[in-house]
N, C-alpha and C. Protein backbone atom coordinates (compact mmCIF):
# COMPACT_ATOMS: atom_id res chain seq x y z
N MET A 1 -83.19 -88.56 59.02
CA MET A 1 -83.74 -90.02 59.24
C MET A 1 -82.97 -90.32 57.89
N LYS A 2 -81.99 -90.90 58.17
CA LYS A 2 -80.89 -91.15 56.66
C LYS A 2 -81.64 -91.68 55.41
N ASN A 3 -81.43 -90.53 54.43
CA ASN A 3 -82.32 -92.03 53.39
C ASN A 3 -83.86 -91.81 53.15
N ILE A 4 -84.32 -91.58 54.22
CA ILE A 4 -85.95 -91.54 54.70
C ILE A 4 -86.66 -90.08 54.48
N SER A 5 -87.97 -90.03 53.77
CA SER A 5 -88.04 -88.49 54.05
C SER A 5 -89.11 -88.53 54.91
N LEU A 6 -89.22 -87.95 56.06
CA LEU A 6 -89.80 -87.56 56.99
C LEU A 6 -90.56 -86.44 57.15
N SER A 7 -91.75 -86.30 57.70
CA SER A 7 -92.60 -84.99 57.16
C SER A 7 -93.13 -84.85 58.79
N ILE A 8 -93.25 -84.23 59.21
CA ILE A 8 -94.25 -83.81 60.58
C ILE A 8 -95.44 -82.72 60.33
N ARG A 9 -96.53 -83.25 60.64
CA ARG A 9 -97.82 -82.65 60.45
C ARG A 9 -98.79 -82.80 62.02
N ALA A 10 -99.75 -82.01 61.94
CA ALA A 10 -100.42 -81.69 63.20
C ALA A 10 -101.17 -83.30 63.22
N TYR A 11 -101.53 -83.22 64.41
CA TYR A 11 -102.64 -84.83 64.70
C TYR A 11 -103.66 -84.55 64.27
N ARG A 12 -104.52 -85.77 63.53
CA ARG A 12 -105.59 -85.93 63.10
C ARG A 12 -106.67 -86.37 64.03
N ALA A 13 -107.57 -86.76 63.81
CA ALA A 13 -108.69 -87.36 64.71
C ALA A 13 -108.32 -89.08 64.34
N ALA A 14 -108.45 -89.10 63.22
CA ALA A 14 -108.51 -90.76 62.31
C ALA A 14 -106.89 -91.25 62.63
N ASP A 15 -106.13 -90.47 63.53
CA ASP A 15 -104.45 -91.23 63.87
C ASP A 15 -104.57 -91.89 64.87
N LYS A 16 -106.01 -91.34 65.90
CA LYS A 16 -105.73 -91.91 67.00
C LYS A 16 -105.67 -93.59 67.38
N SER A 17 -106.38 -94.32 66.83
CA SER A 17 -105.91 -95.96 67.10
C SER A 17 -104.34 -96.14 66.78
N LEU A 18 -104.05 -95.77 65.61
CA LEU A 18 -102.38 -95.97 65.08
C LEU A 18 -101.75 -95.43 66.51
N LEU A 19 -101.77 -94.23 66.51
CA LEU A 19 -100.83 -93.61 67.67
C LEU A 19 -101.06 -94.22 69.01
N SER A 20 -102.20 -94.48 69.12
CA SER A 20 -102.06 -95.44 70.39
C SER A 20 -101.66 -96.69 70.62
N SER A 21 -101.63 -97.14 69.27
CA SER A 21 -100.90 -98.60 68.81
C SER A 21 -99.08 -98.37 68.98
N ILE A 22 -98.92 -97.32 68.88
CA ILE A 22 -97.43 -96.62 69.04
C ILE A 22 -96.99 -96.39 70.16
N TRP A 23 -98.10 -95.63 71.22
CA TRP A 23 -97.68 -95.22 72.79
C TRP A 23 -97.27 -96.71 73.12
N TYR A 24 -98.50 -97.86 73.13
CA TYR A 24 -98.45 -99.13 74.09
C TYR A 24 -97.17 -99.63 73.23
N GLU A 25 -96.72 -99.83 72.22
CA GLU A 25 -95.62 -100.82 71.87
C GLU A 25 -94.35 -100.11 72.58
N ALA A 26 -94.33 -98.95 71.80
CA ALA A 26 -93.21 -98.21 72.72
C ALA A 26 -92.95 -98.13 74.52
N SER A 27 -94.12 -98.05 74.98
CA SER A 27 -94.34 -98.02 76.21
C SER A 27 -93.69 -99.27 76.75
N ARG A 28 -93.98 -100.68 76.24
CA ARG A 28 -93.71 -102.13 76.56
C ARG A 28 -92.01 -102.09 76.67
N ARG A 29 -91.67 -101.57 75.65
CA ARG A 29 -90.38 -101.54 75.54
C ARG A 29 -89.74 -100.55 76.49
N ALA A 30 -89.99 -99.75 76.71
CA ALA A 30 -89.21 -98.85 77.45
C ALA A 30 -89.32 -98.96 79.32
N HIS A 31 -90.69 -99.19 79.21
CA HIS A 31 -90.84 -99.26 80.97
C HIS A 31 -91.59 -101.04 81.14
N PRO A 32 -90.62 -101.66 80.71
CA PRO A 32 -91.05 -102.92 81.36
C PRO A 32 -90.77 -103.15 83.05
N PHE A 33 -90.61 -102.34 83.99
CA PHE A 33 -90.95 -102.61 85.34
C PHE A 33 -92.32 -101.98 85.74
N LEU A 34 -93.24 -101.86 84.51
CA LEU A 34 -94.79 -101.59 84.86
C LEU A 34 -95.52 -102.79 84.41
N SER A 35 -96.40 -103.20 84.96
CA SER A 35 -97.57 -103.62 84.83
C SER A 35 -98.22 -103.50 83.67
N GLU A 36 -98.69 -105.21 82.84
CA GLU A 36 -99.74 -104.85 81.69
C GLU A 36 -100.78 -104.21 82.01
N GLU A 37 -101.05 -104.43 83.08
CA GLU A 37 -102.32 -103.53 83.38
C GLU A 37 -102.80 -102.26 84.03
N ARG A 38 -101.28 -101.95 84.25
CA ARG A 38 -100.94 -100.25 84.35
C ARG A 38 -100.78 -99.93 82.77
N LEU A 39 -99.82 -100.40 82.12
CA LEU A 39 -99.82 -100.04 80.76
C LEU A 39 -101.40 -99.90 80.25
N ARG A 40 -102.25 -100.93 80.30
CA ARG A 40 -103.64 -100.71 79.47
C ARG A 40 -104.14 -99.66 80.13
N GLN A 41 -103.99 -99.29 81.37
CA GLN A 41 -104.96 -98.30 82.08
C GLN A 41 -104.19 -97.09 81.24
N GLN A 42 -103.13 -97.04 81.33
CA GLN A 42 -102.11 -95.16 80.71
C GLN A 42 -102.78 -95.30 79.36
N GLN A 43 -102.80 -96.65 78.68
CA GLN A 43 -103.43 -96.13 77.52
C GLN A 43 -104.49 -95.84 77.16
N ARG A 44 -105.40 -96.52 78.07
CA ARG A 44 -106.80 -95.18 78.12
C ARG A 44 -106.40 -94.16 78.08
N ALA A 45 -106.17 -93.83 78.80
CA ALA A 45 -105.94 -92.17 79.12
C ALA A 45 -105.14 -91.62 78.30
N VAL A 46 -104.46 -91.94 77.52
CA VAL A 46 -103.72 -91.67 75.90
C VAL A 46 -104.75 -91.37 75.29
N GLU A 47 -105.29 -92.45 75.28
CA GLU A 47 -106.49 -92.09 73.90
C GLU A 47 -107.77 -91.12 74.24
N ASP A 48 -108.17 -91.12 75.82
CA ASP A 48 -109.70 -90.57 76.18
C ASP A 48 -109.41 -89.19 76.72
N ILE A 49 -108.01 -88.79 76.82
CA ILE A 49 -107.34 -87.54 77.45
C ILE A 49 -106.62 -86.77 76.81
N TYR A 50 -104.82 -87.65 76.46
CA TYR A 50 -103.69 -87.03 76.22
C TYR A 50 -103.86 -86.49 74.66
N LEU A 51 -104.57 -87.58 73.82
CA LEU A 51 -104.60 -87.07 72.54
C LEU A 51 -105.86 -86.05 71.97
N GLU A 52 -106.55 -86.03 73.21
CA GLU A 52 -107.74 -85.21 72.47
C GLU A 52 -107.20 -83.96 73.00
N GLN A 53 -106.60 -83.65 74.63
CA GLN A 53 -106.42 -82.44 74.71
C GLN A 53 -104.83 -81.88 74.60
N ALA A 54 -104.03 -82.68 74.32
CA ALA A 54 -102.54 -82.13 73.89
C ALA A 54 -102.36 -81.66 72.70
N GLU A 55 -101.22 -80.69 72.01
CA GLU A 55 -101.06 -80.11 71.27
C GLU A 55 -100.14 -81.44 70.97
N ASN A 56 -100.70 -82.32 69.82
CA ASN A 56 -99.91 -83.31 69.14
C ASN A 56 -99.33 -82.97 67.83
N TRP A 57 -98.05 -83.79 67.43
CA TRP A 57 -97.61 -83.74 66.17
C TRP A 57 -96.99 -85.08 65.81
N VAL A 58 -97.11 -85.36 64.58
CA VAL A 58 -96.78 -86.61 64.39
C VAL A 58 -95.69 -86.79 63.24
N ALA A 59 -94.76 -87.52 63.33
CA ALA A 59 -93.90 -87.89 62.27
C ALA A 59 -94.29 -88.87 61.27
N CYS A 60 -94.10 -88.83 60.30
CA CYS A 60 -94.80 -89.62 59.31
C CYS A 60 -93.26 -90.11 58.11
N ILE A 61 -93.60 -91.15 57.63
CA ILE A 61 -92.91 -91.28 56.01
C ILE A 61 -93.85 -91.98 55.43
N LYS A 62 -93.86 -91.21 54.52
CA LYS A 62 -94.82 -91.37 53.00
C LYS A 62 -96.56 -90.81 53.89
N ASP A 63 -96.87 -90.27 54.77
CA ASP A 63 -97.85 -90.00 55.40
C ASP A 63 -98.39 -90.91 56.28
N HIS A 64 -97.28 -92.09 56.18
CA HIS A 64 -97.72 -92.79 57.52
C HIS A 64 -96.98 -92.74 58.97
N PRO A 65 -97.53 -92.52 59.96
CA PRO A 65 -97.30 -92.13 61.31
C PRO A 65 -96.44 -93.26 61.81
N ILE A 66 -95.27 -92.46 62.24
CA ILE A 66 -94.19 -93.82 62.99
C ILE A 66 -93.68 -93.06 64.63
N ALA A 67 -93.99 -91.86 64.66
CA ALA A 67 -93.86 -91.27 66.33
C ALA A 67 -94.86 -89.99 66.25
N PHE A 68 -94.96 -89.80 67.70
CA PHE A 68 -95.75 -88.55 67.65
C PHE A 68 -95.15 -87.85 69.10
N ILE A 69 -95.19 -86.26 69.17
CA ILE A 69 -94.98 -85.94 70.54
C ILE A 69 -96.35 -85.13 70.83
N GLY A 70 -96.83 -85.08 72.05
CA GLY A 70 -98.13 -84.74 73.00
C GLY A 70 -97.24 -83.42 73.56
N LEU A 71 -97.70 -82.02 73.31
CA LEU A 71 -97.10 -80.80 74.18
C LEU A 71 -98.12 -80.56 74.35
N LEU A 72 -98.25 -79.69 76.35
CA LEU A 72 -98.91 -79.15 76.92
C LEU A 72 -98.23 -78.15 77.06
N GLY A 73 -98.37 -76.83 76.40
CA GLY A 73 -97.15 -75.67 76.34
C GLY A 73 -96.29 -76.05 76.40
N GLU A 74 -95.36 -75.52 77.43
CA GLU A 74 -93.77 -76.44 77.16
C GLU A 74 -93.44 -77.42 77.05
N HIS A 75 -94.38 -78.01 77.98
CA HIS A 75 -94.19 -79.42 78.69
C HIS A 75 -94.55 -80.41 77.81
N VAL A 76 -93.39 -81.43 77.62
CA VAL A 76 -93.97 -82.49 76.65
C VAL A 76 -94.55 -83.66 77.69
N GLY A 77 -95.85 -83.95 77.13
CA GLY A 77 -96.43 -84.83 77.87
C GLY A 77 -96.31 -86.31 77.32
N GLY A 78 -95.88 -86.71 76.33
CA GLY A 78 -94.63 -87.85 75.91
C GLY A 78 -94.61 -87.84 74.55
N LEU A 79 -93.30 -88.54 74.33
CA LEU A 79 -92.85 -88.87 73.28
C LEU A 79 -92.89 -90.37 72.67
N PHE A 80 -93.28 -90.51 71.53
CA PHE A 80 -93.31 -91.91 71.52
C PHE A 80 -92.99 -92.43 69.82
N VAL A 81 -92.15 -93.39 69.86
CA VAL A 81 -91.74 -93.96 68.47
C VAL A 81 -92.13 -95.37 68.35
N THR A 82 -92.17 -95.47 67.06
CA THR A 82 -92.52 -96.87 66.88
C THR A 82 -91.36 -97.86 67.19
N PRO A 83 -91.10 -98.70 67.56
CA PRO A 83 -89.98 -99.54 67.82
C PRO A 83 -89.12 -100.05 66.52
N GLU A 84 -89.68 -100.45 65.58
CA GLU A 84 -89.00 -100.53 64.33
C GLU A 84 -88.38 -98.78 63.90
N ALA A 85 -88.88 -98.12 64.36
CA ALA A 85 -88.21 -96.49 63.67
C ALA A 85 -87.30 -96.13 64.60
N GLN A 86 -87.24 -96.53 65.90
CA GLN A 86 -86.61 -96.06 67.05
C GLN A 86 -85.22 -95.86 66.44
N GLY A 87 -84.15 -94.65 66.72
CA GLY A 87 -82.60 -94.87 66.40
C GLY A 87 -82.59 -94.19 65.36
N ARG A 88 -83.67 -93.68 64.12
CA ARG A 88 -83.51 -93.24 63.19
C ARG A 88 -83.62 -91.90 62.86
N GLY A 89 -84.04 -91.08 64.09
CA GLY A 89 -83.98 -89.67 63.89
C GLY A 89 -85.80 -89.41 63.96
N ALA A 90 -86.47 -89.54 64.52
CA ALA A 90 -87.80 -89.57 64.24
C ALA A 90 -88.02 -88.73 65.56
N GLY A 91 -87.47 -89.27 66.91
CA GLY A 91 -88.00 -88.32 67.98
C GLY A 91 -86.80 -87.32 68.01
N ARG A 92 -85.77 -86.81 67.63
CA ARG A 92 -84.76 -86.22 67.70
C ARG A 92 -85.69 -85.39 66.55
N ALA A 93 -86.30 -85.10 65.49
CA ALA A 93 -86.95 -84.15 64.47
C ALA A 93 -87.97 -83.89 65.45
N LEU A 94 -89.08 -84.67 66.53
CA LEU A 94 -90.10 -84.00 66.84
C LEU A 94 -89.66 -83.36 67.78
N ILE A 95 -88.59 -83.31 68.42
CA ILE A 95 -88.17 -82.51 69.39
C ILE A 95 -87.60 -81.18 69.31
N ALA A 96 -86.82 -81.25 67.92
CA ALA A 96 -86.33 -79.87 67.24
C ALA A 96 -87.32 -79.26 66.71
N HIS A 97 -88.93 -79.61 66.17
CA HIS A 97 -89.87 -79.21 65.86
C HIS A 97 -90.87 -78.45 66.88
N ALA A 98 -90.48 -79.69 68.22
CA ALA A 98 -91.57 -78.81 69.51
C ALA A 98 -90.60 -77.48 70.01
N LEU A 99 -89.15 -77.85 69.97
CA LEU A 99 -88.08 -76.49 70.73
C LEU A 99 -88.32 -75.53 69.55
N ALA A 100 -88.23 -75.31 68.34
CA ALA A 100 -88.40 -74.37 67.29
C ALA A 100 -89.81 -73.75 67.77
N LEU A 101 -91.02 -74.46 68.55
CA LEU A 101 -92.25 -73.76 68.74
C LEU A 101 -92.30 -73.08 69.92
N LYS A 102 -91.89 -74.00 70.17
CA LYS A 102 -91.83 -73.07 72.22
C LYS A 102 -90.93 -72.56 72.41
N GLY A 103 -89.79 -73.01 71.95
CA GLY A 103 -88.47 -71.92 72.96
C GLY A 103 -88.13 -72.62 73.72
N ARG A 104 -88.30 -73.40 74.42
CA ARG A 104 -88.15 -74.06 75.47
C ARG A 104 -89.00 -75.35 75.68
N LEU A 105 -88.18 -76.43 76.28
CA LEU A 105 -89.24 -77.71 76.65
C LEU A 105 -89.18 -78.24 77.82
N SER A 106 -89.73 -78.86 78.76
CA SER A 106 -89.79 -79.54 79.63
C SER A 106 -90.64 -80.61 79.70
N LEU A 107 -89.97 -81.79 80.55
CA LEU A 107 -90.80 -83.18 80.59
C LEU A 107 -90.45 -84.06 81.38
N GLU A 108 -90.83 -85.04 81.76
CA GLU A 108 -90.86 -86.46 82.78
C GLU A 108 -90.19 -87.42 82.61
N VAL A 109 -89.54 -87.72 83.03
CA VAL A 109 -89.31 -89.60 82.55
C VAL A 109 -88.95 -90.24 83.65
N TYR A 110 -89.14 -91.23 83.42
CA TYR A 110 -89.20 -92.71 84.56
C TYR A 110 -87.47 -92.87 84.49
N ALA A 111 -87.24 -92.65 86.26
CA ALA A 111 -85.88 -92.97 86.29
C ALA A 111 -85.10 -94.39 85.47
N ASP A 112 -86.35 -95.30 85.54
CA ASP A 112 -85.92 -96.57 84.95
C ASP A 112 -85.70 -96.63 83.51
N ASN A 113 -86.26 -95.85 83.09
CA ASN A 113 -86.09 -95.56 81.55
C ASN A 113 -84.68 -94.74 80.87
N HIS A 114 -83.88 -95.87 81.22
CA HIS A 114 -82.30 -95.74 80.64
C HIS A 114 -82.41 -95.23 79.14
N GLY A 115 -82.71 -95.86 78.31
CA GLY A 115 -82.98 -95.52 76.83
C GLY A 115 -83.47 -93.74 76.94
N ALA A 116 -84.57 -93.66 77.29
CA ALA A 116 -85.02 -92.56 77.19
C ALA A 116 -84.07 -91.48 77.85
N ARG A 117 -83.56 -91.67 79.12
CA ARG A 117 -82.67 -90.62 79.76
C ARG A 117 -81.67 -90.72 78.90
N ALA A 118 -80.98 -91.66 78.46
CA ALA A 118 -79.57 -90.99 77.46
C ALA A 118 -80.16 -90.35 76.58
N PHE A 119 -81.19 -90.19 75.50
CA PHE A 119 -82.05 -89.96 74.77
C PHE A 119 -82.01 -88.58 74.45
N TYR A 120 -82.38 -88.01 75.60
CA TYR A 120 -82.76 -86.51 76.37
C TYR A 120 -81.46 -86.08 76.79
N ALA A 121 -80.64 -86.68 77.13
CA ALA A 121 -79.19 -86.47 77.66
C ALA A 121 -78.23 -86.18 76.51
N ALA A 122 -78.37 -86.81 75.28
CA ALA A 122 -77.46 -86.49 74.13
C ALA A 122 -78.33 -84.95 73.59
N LEU A 123 -79.58 -84.52 73.62
CA LEU A 123 -79.95 -83.72 73.01
C LEU A 123 -79.64 -82.82 73.80
N GLY A 124 -79.17 -82.31 75.09
CA GLY A 124 -79.02 -81.33 76.05
C GLY A 124 -80.03 -81.29 76.68
N PHE A 125 -80.56 -82.22 77.04
CA PHE A 125 -81.40 -81.82 78.20
C PHE A 125 -81.25 -81.85 79.97
N ARG A 126 -81.53 -80.94 80.34
CA ARG A 126 -80.38 -81.07 81.92
C ARG A 126 -81.56 -81.15 82.83
N GLU A 127 -81.05 -81.73 84.12
CA GLU A 127 -82.21 -82.29 84.97
C GLU A 127 -82.05 -81.05 85.93
N ILE A 128 -83.62 -81.29 86.06
CA ILE A 128 -84.09 -79.85 87.01
C ILE A 128 -84.63 -80.45 88.31
N SER A 129 -85.20 -81.67 88.70
CA SER A 129 -85.23 -82.14 90.05
C SER A 129 -85.84 -83.35 89.69
N ARG A 130 -85.81 -84.40 90.90
CA ARG A 130 -86.57 -85.51 90.69
C ARG A 130 -87.50 -85.84 91.77
N ARG A 131 -88.22 -87.39 91.87
CA ARG A 131 -89.52 -87.00 92.84
C ARG A 131 -89.49 -88.83 92.67
N ASP A 132 -89.61 -89.48 94.01
CA ASP A 132 -89.60 -90.44 94.23
C ASP A 132 -90.51 -91.36 94.11
N VAL A 133 -91.94 -90.21 93.50
CA VAL A 133 -92.83 -91.57 92.78
C VAL A 133 -93.62 -90.47 91.63
N ASP A 134 -94.44 -91.43 91.16
CA ASP A 134 -95.16 -90.71 89.81
C ASP A 134 -96.18 -90.16 89.94
N ASP A 135 -96.95 -89.85 89.62
CA ASP A 135 -98.05 -88.99 88.94
C ASP A 135 -99.26 -89.54 89.98
N GLU A 136 -99.14 -91.18 89.93
CA GLU A 136 -100.43 -91.28 90.97
C GLU A 136 -100.30 -92.15 92.31
N GLY A 137 -98.74 -91.07 92.70
CA GLY A 137 -98.04 -91.92 94.11
C GLY A 137 -97.53 -92.96 94.15
N LEU A 138 -97.62 -93.98 93.01
CA LEU A 138 -96.90 -95.22 92.98
C LEU A 138 -95.34 -94.77 92.96
N PRO A 139 -94.50 -95.81 93.70
CA PRO A 139 -93.10 -96.01 93.96
C PRO A 139 -92.49 -96.26 92.68
N PHE A 140 -92.46 -95.33 91.66
CA PHE A 140 -91.83 -95.23 90.09
C PHE A 140 -91.09 -93.80 90.38
N ALA A 141 -90.02 -93.52 90.41
CA ALA A 141 -89.03 -92.06 90.45
C ALA A 141 -89.12 -91.30 89.16
N ASN A 142 -89.24 -90.35 89.11
CA ASN A 142 -89.01 -89.16 87.92
C ASN A 142 -88.43 -88.63 88.06
N ILE A 143 -87.53 -88.23 86.75
CA ILE A 143 -86.71 -86.71 86.57
C ILE A 143 -87.28 -86.06 85.71
N ARG A 144 -87.30 -84.74 86.10
CA ARG A 144 -87.67 -83.22 85.32
C ARG A 144 -86.40 -83.25 84.69
N LEU A 145 -86.72 -83.00 83.23
CA LEU A 145 -85.56 -82.62 82.17
C LEU A 145 -86.13 -81.27 81.87
N ALA A 146 -85.72 -80.24 81.39
CA ALA A 146 -85.32 -78.92 80.49
C ALA A 146 -84.20 -78.85 79.95
N LEU A 147 -84.62 -78.26 78.34
CA LEU A 147 -84.30 -77.75 77.52
C LEU A 147 -84.54 -76.19 76.92
N ASP A 148 -83.39 -75.31 76.66
CA ASP A 148 -83.64 -73.87 76.07
C ASP A 148 -83.65 -73.88 74.66
N ARG A 149 -84.12 -73.27 73.96
CA ARG A 149 -83.59 -73.15 72.44
C ARG A 149 -82.02 -72.46 71.98
N ASP A 150 -81.66 -71.69 73.43
CA ASP A 150 -80.15 -71.78 73.07
C ASP A 150 -78.90 -72.78 73.19
N ALA A 151 -79.74 -74.23 74.15
CA ALA A 151 -78.90 -75.03 73.74
C ALA A 151 -79.00 -75.72 72.57
N PRO A 152 -78.49 -75.49 71.58
CA PRO A 152 -78.63 -76.68 70.14
C PRO A 152 -78.62 -78.14 70.41
N LEU A 153 -79.02 -78.64 69.79
CA LEU A 153 -79.97 -79.71 69.77
C LEU A 153 -78.10 -80.66 69.24
N GLU A 154 -78.11 -81.65 70.22
CA GLU A 154 -76.50 -82.12 69.73
C GLU A 154 -76.64 -83.32 68.68
């Protein structure tokens, strides 16, 4: 991030509320095709399951969280950057951090999330597969992507 000192640290329980807010605001922007009710249901799952069970890393400026990544082994369960900080390098830094830890990464992204698809393509992720429904069987197409350590971040 140009002229900004970004640090990455492990998730702390005290981060939960702020990271939930980052998740919600980033998801509203990235997933306008999802209903408000569905986003709120997903937010509860983020708070009650994913922030508690995933390996989470937090990108901070002056110890203030602006983004986070949740890892389930080599799988990126989610990468979310507060809208005000998007495009400034936090997402790229979190992917680089996760790739250094794991050696390879996979993830799924909604096919209609064009911004995320472009972001991951720019980093060198390649498409592995597609499916016509999401994890709950609803008609939101998902694309599975992968990246190996040997593929340098663009």
